[in-house]
């Protein structure tokens, strides 16, 4: 078997992230993804050039998005000979795309690839029930006026009630936020600790923006020049005024709009390549995508919906033969502050590590000073499929900027799954 090659992270580009129905209210998954890819192509001299594969996806997608990756690659000005592959694993979509492309690069199947994701809640698909849809199909097939009229036999206006997109889990009927409330209760995560983590995320993100860290990562789009969810002036006092968002009746709800990610529009992309491909084109190598892992749990039977990253990270570290002491930076996706805090508690819990992670001893604590040092999803927002690429691009630049050796990425997803990745500078 041929020796595996190193997978270089060459660079990344994303458009600013916007709260739903604000800056991108008239945009689509395709227009946003095309803009992110165009920014990446412009920055790395890829206009008109063939990239071996673009792999991208969206979680909230219209039927018109069936060939999203390919269409966005063409809109971005890449060579028409660049193929596009759609992929989707909820919030882990673009990170999973990077791992899939990385495996192809490592084995020599391809030399270059772009992992990306886009999501819009402002342009969510609203559909009608099956009965009305079948009427429309029958109407399109009807030949005569009589046949057309007969398609509406027994029609009631109730059939026109639209079915809006939902984040409820099909197997439980609970939303992600409701599931996370259960996790917060199970792990004893206080409202105050969640607000403190959210405040820190905003402060770190605001500082990173002010210092220009994102200047070469973020591409202006549709008149928007920076993420519009980051709050430099927020405070614990302001957060304390927020009411529970998912458990409004029991009096014990701890998740609020302040310590949960907002519904967000945006797109992000990352360029991966073999070392030879990058060097032949005079492109930088920021870091290397060394390893990844995807895991799942039995959330419908009581496992925490967003706890699967604990498993993915544990399995990844076992394969790599390292522990938390060997990690310089931790990039933990902040779907909710409670999710991050529950994850950190689980890694320190001997019973959980023994029964769930099959470890003889706890993984141990993580130094808070090494977690999300430039802020994360609570501040920037969370366009579901784009978040993994945002985090991966930020991580690669951060390792280089701070001359650190190794970073761990963890992303929770709907469906009780988690995606983890190891990024190294050498």
Protein backbone atom coordinates (compact mmCIF):
# COMPACT_ATOMS: atom_id res chain seq x y z
CA UNK A 1 0.00 0.00 0.00
CA UNK A 2 1.33 3.43 -0.92
CA UNK A 3 2.36 5.72 1.93
CA UNK A 4 -0.24 8.30 2.83
CA UNK A 5 0.54 11.88 1.92
CA UNK A 6 0.11 14.93 4.15
CA UNK A 7 -3.00 17.03 3.58
CA UNK A 8 -2.17 20.72 3.45
CA UNK A 9 -4.60 23.43 4.49
CA UNK A 10 -3.76 26.22 2.04
CA UNK A 11 -6.30 28.85 3.00
CA UNK A 12 -9.94 29.69 3.56
CA UNK A 13 -12.54 32.27 2.72
CA UNK A 14 -16.02 32.99 3.94
CA UNK A 15 -18.58 35.71 3.66
CA UNK A 16 -19.62 37.57 6.82
CA UNK A 17 -22.19 35.68 8.85
CA UNK A 18 -25.54 37.45 9.32
CA UNK A 19 -28.45 36.83 11.63
CA UNK A 20 -31.41 35.44 9.73
CA UNK A 21 -33.55 37.92 7.80
CA UNK A 22 -31.02 40.74 8.05
CA UNK A 23 -28.16 41.32 5.60
CA UNK A 24 -28.84 38.32 3.36
CA UNK A 25 -32.62 38.30 3.34
CA UNK A 26 -32.61 38.31 -0.49
CA UNK A 27 -29.76 35.79 -0.95
CA UNK A 28 -29.75 32.03 -1.52
CA UNK A 29 -27.52 29.11 -0.65
CA UNK A 30 -26.14 29.27 -4.17
CA UNK A 31 -25.36 32.98 -4.20
CA UNK A 32 -23.67 32.83 -0.79
CA UNK A 33 -21.67 29.70 -1.54
CA UNK A 34 -20.61 31.07 -4.92
CA UNK A 35 -19.36 34.24 -3.21
CA UNK A 36 -17.34 32.30 -0.64
CA UNK A 37 -15.77 30.12 -3.34
CA UNK A 38 -15.09 33.16 -5.53
CA UNK A 39 -13.28 34.82 -2.63
CA UNK A 40 -11.17 31.72 -2.12
CA UNK A 41 -10.38 31.49 -5.85
CA UNK A 42 -9.47 35.17 -6.02
CA UNK A 43 -7.16 34.99 -3.02
CA UNK A 44 -5.29 31.95 -4.31
CA UNK A 45 -5.14 32.61 -8.04
CA UNK A 46 -7.61 29.89 -8.97
CA UNK A 47 -9.88 31.82 -11.34
CA UNK A 48 -10.24 29.65 -14.45
CA UNK A 49 -8.17 26.89 -12.81
CA UNK A 50 -9.24 23.29 -12.34
CA UNK A 51 -9.61 22.09 -8.77
CA UNK A 52 -9.95 18.33 -8.51
CA UNK A 53 -13.19 18.48 -6.51
CA UNK A 54 -15.45 20.90 -4.69
CA UNK A 55 -17.43 19.19 -1.95
CA UNK A 56 -20.11 21.26 -0.27
CA UNK A 57 -23.62 21.17 1.09
CA UNK A 58 -26.48 22.89 2.86
CA UNK A 59 -28.72 21.66 5.65
CA UNK A 60 -31.76 23.79 4.82
CA UNK A 61 -32.01 23.37 1.07
CA UNK A 62 -34.52 23.88 -1.71
CA UNK A 63 -35.04 21.22 -4.36
CA UNK A 64 -33.28 23.65 -6.72
CA UNK A 65 -30.08 23.10 -4.68
CA UNK A 66 -29.73 19.53 -5.96
CA UNK A 67 -26.42 20.36 -7.69
CA UNK A 68 -25.33 23.11 -5.32
CA UNK A 69 -21.59 22.40 -5.19
CA UNK A 70 -21.20 22.18 -8.95
CA UNK A 71 -23.25 25.31 -9.67
CA UNK A 72 -21.40 27.32 -7.03
CA UNK A 73 -18.04 26.22 -8.43
CA UNK A 74 -19.08 27.47 -11.87
CA UNK A 75 -20.41 30.74 -10.43
CA UNK A 76 -17.12 31.24 -8.59
CA UNK A 77 -15.15 31.24 -11.82
CA UNK A 78 -13.33 27.94 -11.34
CA UNK A 79 -12.63 25.92 -14.47
CA UNK A 80 -15.74 24.20 -15.90
CA UNK A 81 -13.72 21.00 -15.52
CA UNK A 82 -14.00 21.28 -11.73
CA UNK A 83 -16.55 18.73 -10.46
CA UNK A 84 -18.84 19.41 -7.52
CA UNK A 85 -20.19 16.94 -4.98
CA UNK A 86 -23.05 17.63 -2.58
CA UNK A 87 -22.70 16.35 0.99
CA UNK A 88 -24.71 16.77 4.19
CA UNK A 89 -24.23 15.72 7.80
CA UNK A 90 -26.11 18.53 9.52
CA UNK A 91 -23.84 20.98 11.35
CA UNK A 92 -20.76 18.88 10.56
CA UNK A 93 -21.26 19.13 6.79
CA UNK A 94 -18.25 21.19 5.70
CA UNK A 95 -15.88 19.60 8.24
CA UNK A 96 -16.93 16.15 7.02
CA UNK A 97 -16.37 17.41 3.46
CA UNK A 98 -12.84 18.39 4.44
CA UNK A 99 -12.19 14.96 5.97
CA UNK A 100 -13.53 13.21 2.86
CA UNK A 101 -11.42 15.32 0.52
CA UNK A 102 -8.44 14.94 2.83
CA UNK A 103 -8.68 11.16 2.56
CA UNK A 104 -8.66 11.42 -1.24
CA UNK A 105 -5.62 13.69 -1.18
CA UNK A 106 -3.81 11.47 1.32
CA UNK A 107 -4.26 8.40 -0.87
CA UNK A 108 -3.30 10.20 -4.08
CA UNK A 109 -6.74 10.03 -5.69
CA UNK A 110 -6.81 13.82 -6.06
CA UNK A 111 -4.33 16.68 -5.62
CA UNK A 112 -6.64 19.47 -4.54
CA UNK A 113 -10.11 20.03 -3.14
CA UNK A 114 -12.35 22.68 -1.66
CA UNK A 115 -14.59 21.87 1.31
CA UNK A 116 -17.46 24.27 1.83
CA UNK A 117 -20.93 24.81 3.17
CA UNK A 118 -23.77 27.29 2.97
CA UNK A 119 -27.00 27.79 4.83
CA UNK A 120 -29.80 30.33 4.88
CA UNK A 121 -32.77 30.55 7.19
CA UNK A 122 -33.92 33.68 5.36
CA UNK A 123 -34.66 31.63 2.23
CA UNK A 124 -36.00 28.52 3.92
CA UNK A 125 -38.14 26.24 1.75
CA UNK A 126 -41.80 26.36 2.69
CA UNK A 127 -43.79 23.51 1.17
CA UNK A 128 -47.38 22.31 1.13
CA UNK A 129 -48.66 18.98 2.36
CA UNK A 130 -48.54 15.88 0.20
CA UNK A 131 -52.22 16.04 -0.71
CA UNK A 132 -51.95 19.45 -2.34
CA UNK A 133 -48.64 18.54 -4.00
CA UNK A 134 -50.27 15.50 -5.57
CA UNK A 135 -53.07 17.70 -6.85
CA UNK A 136 -50.48 19.95 -8.53
CA UNK A 137 -48.83 16.92 -10.15
CA UNK A 138 -52.20 15.66 -11.40
CA UNK A 139 -53.00 19.16 -12.67
CA UNK A 140 -49.77 19.30 -14.67
CA UNK A 141 -50.71 15.98 -16.34
CA UNK A 142 -54.35 16.87 -17.04
CA UNK A 143 -55.13 17.28 -20.75
CA UNK A 144 -58.63 18.77 -20.80
CA UNK A 145 -60.41 21.46 -18.82
CA UNK A 146 -62.61 18.79 -17.29
CA UNK A 147 -59.60 16.75 -16.19
CA UNK A 148 -58.06 19.85 -14.63
CA UNK A 149 -61.23 20.66 -12.72
CA UNK A 150 -61.48 17.09 -11.45
CA UNK A 151 -58.06 17.34 -9.82
CA UNK A 152 -59.63 19.73 -7.30
CA UNK A 153 -62.48 17.42 -6.32
CA UNK A 154 -62.81 17.44 -2.53
CA UNK A 155 -60.38 20.36 -2.21
CA UNK A 156 -60.27 22.26 1.10
CA UNK A 157 -58.32 25.39 1.93
CA UNK A 158 -56.68 23.51 4.77
CA UNK A 159 -54.52 21.82 2.15
CA UNK A 160 -52.86 25.19 1.58
CA UNK A 161 -51.45 25.31 5.10
CA UNK A 162 -47.68 25.51 4.54
CA UNK A 163 -45.24 23.14 6.20
CA UNK A 164 -42.28 25.18 7.45
CA UNK A 165 -38.77 23.76 8.05
CA UNK A 166 -38.21 22.45 11.55
CA UNK A 167 -35.23 21.64 13.76
CA UNK A 168 -37.21 19.05 15.69
CA UNK A 169 -35.63 15.63 15.87
CA UNK A 170 -37.93 13.15 14.05
CA UNK A 171 -37.33 10.42 16.63
CA UNK A 172 -38.12 12.52 19.70
CA UNK A 173 -40.17 15.49 18.53
CA UNK A 174 -37.89 17.76 20.54
CA UNK A 175 -35.89 20.64 19.14
CA UNK A 176 -32.13 20.82 19.51
CA UNK A 177 -32.57 23.49 22.16
CA UNK A 178 -34.98 21.33 24.15
CA UNK A 179 -32.54 18.44 23.99
CA UNK A 180 -29.75 20.71 25.19
CA UNK A 181 -31.91 21.83 28.13
CA UNK A 182 -32.07 18.16 29.14
CA UNK A 183 -28.30 17.94 28.87
CA UNK A 184 -27.84 21.06 30.99
CA UNK A 185 -30.09 19.54 33.65
CA UNK A 186 -28.30 16.18 33.55
CA UNK A 187 -24.84 17.73 33.90
CA UNK A 188 -25.79 20.48 36.33
CA UNK A 189 -24.89 23.33 33.99
CA UNK A 190 -25.96 26.63 35.49
CA UNK A 191 -27.44 29.60 33.65
CA UNK A 192 -24.61 31.77 34.98
CA UNK A 193 -21.85 29.53 33.62
CA UNK A 194 -23.56 29.48 30.21
CA UNK A 195 -23.79 33.26 30.12
CA UNK A 196 -20.15 33.61 31.13
CA UNK A 197 -19.03 31.33 28.30
CA UNK A 198 -21.18 33.24 25.81
CA UNK A 199 -19.79 36.58 27.01
CA UNK A 200 -16.25 35.30 26.60
CA UNK A 201 -17.03 34.13 23.06
CA UNK A 202 -18.29 37.60 22.10
CA UNK A 203 -15.33 39.31 23.75
CA UNK A 204 -12.79 37.06 22.03
CA UNK A 205 -14.51 37.44 18.66
CA UNK A 206 -14.80 41.22 18.98
CA UNK A 207 -11.10 41.45 19.87
CA UNK A 208 -10.14 39.25 16.92
CA UNK A 209 -12.14 41.45 14.53
CA UNK A 210 -10.68 44.66 15.98
CA UNK A 211 -7.15 43.28 15.66
CA UNK A 212 -7.72 42.41 11.99
CA UNK A 213 -7.43 38.64 12.42
CA UNK A 214 -10.30 38.05 9.99
CA UNK A 215 -9.27 40.61 7.38
CA UNK A 216 -7.93 38.00 4.95
CA UNK A 217 -10.53 35.36 5.85
CA UNK A 218 -13.79 37.27 5.33
CA UNK A 219 -14.95 38.40 1.87
CA UNK A 220 -17.51 41.25 1.75
CA UNK A 221 -20.78 40.21 0.17
CA UNK A 222 -24.11 41.88 -0.59
CA UNK A 223 -22.98 45.08 1.09
CA UNK A 224 -22.03 43.30 4.33
CA UNK A 225 -18.43 43.64 5.50
CA UNK A 226 -18.36 41.92 8.88
CA UNK A 227 -20.29 39.43 10.99
CA UNK A 228 -23.34 41.17 12.42
CA UNK A 229 -23.98 38.97 15.45
CA UNK A 230 -20.78 39.75 17.39
CA UNK A 231 -21.58 42.00 20.35
CA UNK A 232 -18.60 43.92 21.68
CA UNK A 233 -20.79 45.80 24.16
CA UNK A 234 -22.72 42.93 25.70
CA UNK A 235 -22.49 42.11 29.40
CA UNK A 236 -23.57 39.54 31.94
CA UNK A 237 -26.19 42.00 33.16
CA UNK A 238 -27.75 42.26 29.71
CA UNK A 239 -27.65 38.49 29.30
CA UNK A 240 -29.30 37.98 32.66
CA UNK A 241 -32.38 39.84 31.42
CA UNK A 242 -33.00 37.26 28.67
CA UNK A 243 -35.84 34.82 29.22
CA UNK A 244 -35.51 31.04 28.63
CA UNK A 245 -35.94 30.23 24.96
CA UNK A 246 -36.72 26.50 24.98
CA UNK A 247 -38.15 25.71 28.42
CA UNK A 248 -40.53 28.58 29.08
CA UNK A 249 -42.93 26.92 31.52
CA UNK A 250 -41.09 24.84 34.10
CA UNK A 251 -39.24 27.74 35.69
CA UNK A 252 -35.96 25.82 35.33
CA UNK A 253 -34.98 26.77 31.78
CA UNK A 254 -31.39 27.97 31.40
CA UNK A 255 -30.90 28.28 27.64
CA UNK A 256 -31.62 31.77 26.28
CA UNK A 257 -31.11 33.67 23.06
CA UNK A 258 -27.90 35.03 24.61
CA UNK A 259 -26.24 31.68 25.33
CA UNK A 260 -27.52 29.88 22.21
CA UNK A 261 -26.47 30.41 18.62
CA UNK A 262 -28.85 32.54 16.55
CA UNK A 263 -30.41 31.40 13.29
CA UNK A 264 -27.78 32.51 10.80
CA UNK A 265 -27.11 32.93 7.07
CA UNK A 266 -23.64 32.45 5.59
CA UNK A 267 -21.13 30.36 3.67
CA UNK A 268 -17.51 29.29 4.17
CA UNK A 269 -14.84 27.39 2.24
CA UNK A 270 -11.40 25.83 2.78
CA UNK A 271 -8.76 24.91 0.19
CA UNK A 272 -6.96 21.60 0.76
CA UNK A 273 -4.14 20.15 -1.33
CA UNK A 274 -1.13 17.91 -1.49
CA UNK A 275 2.12 19.63 -0.57
CA UNK A 276 3.35 19.27 -4.15
CA UNK A 277 0.24 20.92 -5.65
CA UNK A 278 0.49 23.87 -3.27
CA UNK A 279 4.21 24.41 -3.76
CA UNK A 280 4.01 24.18 -7.53
CA UNK A 281 1.65 27.16 -7.42
CA UNK A 282 3.55 29.11 -4.81
CA UNK A 283 0.70 28.80 -2.33
CA UNK A 284 1.20 28.81 1.44
CA UNK A 285 0.72 25.84 3.71
CA UNK A 286 -0.85 27.06 6.93
CA UNK A 287 -1.22 23.68 8.61
CA UNK A 288 -2.10 20.06 7.95
CA UNK A 289 -5.37 18.18 8.39
CA UNK A 290 -3.98 15.12 10.12
CA UNK A 291 -6.92 13.01 11.23
CA UNK A 292 -10.67 12.98 11.71
CA UNK A 293 -13.40 10.98 13.33
CA UNK A 294 -17.19 10.83 13.12
CA UNK A 295 -19.30 9.27 15.88
CA UNK A 296 -22.92 8.86 16.93
CA UNK A 297 -24.87 7.97 20.04
CA UNK A 298 -28.30 6.61 20.99
CA UNK A 299 -29.88 9.98 21.76
CA UNK A 300 -33.40 8.64 21.26
CA UNK A 301 -32.80 6.26 24.16
CA UNK A 302 -31.53 8.98 26.47
CA UNK A 303 -27.98 9.79 25.44
CA UNK A 304 -27.55 13.55 25.14
CA UNK A 305 -28.34 14.63 21.58
CA UNK A 306 -25.23 16.80 21.33
CA UNK A 307 -22.84 14.58 23.30
CA UNK A 308 -21.53 12.49 20.39
CA UNK A 309 -18.46 14.75 19.96
CA UNK A 310 -17.20 13.37 23.27
CA UNK A 311 -17.04 9.98 21.57
CA UNK A 312 -15.52 11.26 18.33
CA UNK A 313 -12.79 13.13 20.20
CA UNK A 314 -12.03 10.18 22.47
CA UNK A 315 -11.70 7.78 19.52
CA UNK A 316 -9.59 10.26 17.56
CA UNK A 317 -7.17 10.77 20.45
CA UNK A 318 -6.86 7.01 20.92
CA UNK A 319 -5.99 6.55 17.26
CA UNK A 320 -3.47 9.38 17.42
CA UNK A 321 -1.96 8.11 20.68
CA UNK A 322 -2.19 11.51 22.37
CA UNK A 323 -4.14 13.23 25.15
CA UNK A 324 -5.35 16.69 26.04
CA UNK A 325 -1.88 17.66 27.27
CA UNK A 326 -0.67 17.33 23.67
CA UNK A 327 -3.27 19.80 22.32
CA UNK A 328 -2.36 23.49 22.19
CA UNK A 329 -5.70 24.88 21.02
CA UNK A 330 -9.28 23.62 21.26
CA UNK A 331 -11.92 24.77 18.79
CA UNK A 332 -15.23 23.53 20.19
CA UNK A 333 -18.30 24.51 18.19
CA UNK A 334 -20.65 26.47 20.40
CA UNK A 335 -24.09 25.36 19.26
CA UNK A 336 -25.12 26.23 22.82
CA UNK A 337 -22.95 27.24 25.74
CA UNK A 338 -24.47 24.33 27.65
CA UNK A 339 -23.27 21.86 25.00
CA UNK A 340 -19.65 22.96 25.41
CA UNK A 341 -19.87 22.92 29.20
CA UNK A 342 -21.53 19.48 29.29
CA UNK A 343 -18.86 18.12 26.95
CA UNK A 344 -16.06 19.44 29.16
CA UNK A 345 -17.70 17.96 32.25
CA UNK A 346 -18.14 14.59 30.57
CA UNK A 347 -14.46 14.38 29.68
CA UNK A 348 -13.64 14.81 33.40
CA UNK A 349 -16.27 12.35 34.63
CA UNK A 350 -14.82 8.93 35.47
CA UNK A 351 -18.16 7.11 35.15
CA UNK A 352 -18.98 8.64 31.77
CA UNK A 353 -15.50 8.00 30.41
CA UNK A 354 -15.62 4.40 31.59
CA UNK A 355 -19.16 3.52 30.47
CA UNK A 356 -19.53 5.65 27.32
CA UNK A 357 -15.99 6.25 26.11
CA UNK A 358 -14.60 2.87 27.24
CA UNK A 359 -11.66 4.52 28.98
CA UNK A 360 -9.98 3.39 32.18
CA UNK A 361 -9.51 6.97 33.31
CA UNK A 362 -11.07 10.35 32.49
CA UNK A 363 -9.69 12.31 29.58
CA UNK A 364 -9.27 15.14 32.02
CA UNK A 365 -9.86 18.89 32.20
CA UNK A 366 -9.19 21.39 29.43
CA UNK A 367 -7.59 24.73 30.22
CA UNK A 368 -10.24 27.39 29.41
CA UNK A 369 -7.47 29.67 28.12
CA UNK A 370 -6.95 27.25 25.22
CA UNK A 371 -10.60 27.06 24.15
CA UNK A 372 -11.99 29.19 21.30
CA UNK A 373 -9.44 31.94 21.80
CA UNK A 374 -10.85 33.93 18.85
CA UNK A 375 -14.48 33.29 19.79
CA UNK A 376 -16.79 30.77 18.20
CA UNK A 377 -20.36 30.16 17.08
CA UNK A 378 -22.12 31.94 19.94
CA UNK A 379 -20.52 35.15 18.69
CA UNK A 380 -20.11 34.66 14.95
CA UNK A 381 -23.37 32.79 14.41
CA UNK A 382 -23.99 29.34 13.00
CA UNK A 383 -25.05 28.81 9.37
CA UNK A 384 -25.32 25.07 9.86
CA UNK A 385 -23.34 23.63 6.94
CA UNK A 386 -20.81 26.49 6.91
CA UNK A 387 -19.60 26.28 10.49
CA UNK A 388 -17.11 23.44 10.05
CA UNK A 389 -15.28 25.27 7.24
CA UNK A 390 -15.25 28.48 9.27
CA UNK A 391 -13.68 26.70 12.21
CA UNK A 392 -11.16 24.76 10.10
CA UNK A 393 -9.99 27.88 8.26
CA UNK A 394 -9.69 29.87 11.47
CA UNK A 395 -7.83 27.02 13.18
CA UNK A 396 -5.22 26.70 10.44
CA UNK A 397 -4.49 30.42 10.47
CA UNK A 398 -4.43 30.51 14.27
CA UNK A 399 -1.87 27.71 14.52
CA UNK A 400 0.42 29.56 12.14
CA UNK A 401 -0.12 32.98 13.71
CA UNK A 402 0.59 31.74 17.23
CA UNK A 403 3.23 29.20 16.20
CA UNK A 404 1.38 26.43 17.98
CA UNK A 405 1.73 22.80 17.01
CA UNK A 406 -1.63 21.07 17.36
CA UNK A 407 -5.34 21.93 17.53
CA UNK A 408 -8.45 19.84 18.13
CA UNK A 409 -11.77 20.63 16.45
CA UNK A 410 -15.10 19.30 17.71
CA UNK A 411 -18.52 19.88 16.12
CA UNK A 412 -21.84 18.53 17.40
CA UNK A 413 -24.63 17.84 14.93
CA UNK A 414 -28.31 17.01 14.79
CA UNK A 415 -29.20 13.33 14.85
CA UNK A 416 -26.89 12.58 17.78
CA UNK A 417 -23.65 12.78 15.80
CA UNK A 418 -20.32 14.52 16.19
CA UNK A 419 -17.36 15.29 13.95
CA UNK A 420 -13.81 15.82 15.24
CA UNK A 421 -10.55 16.69 13.51
CA UNK A 422 -6.91 17.08 14.38
CA UNK A 423 -4.97 19.94 12.77
CA UNK A 424 -1.18 20.20 13.03
CA UNK A 425 1.36 22.76 11.86
CA UNK A 426 4.04 20.25 10.88
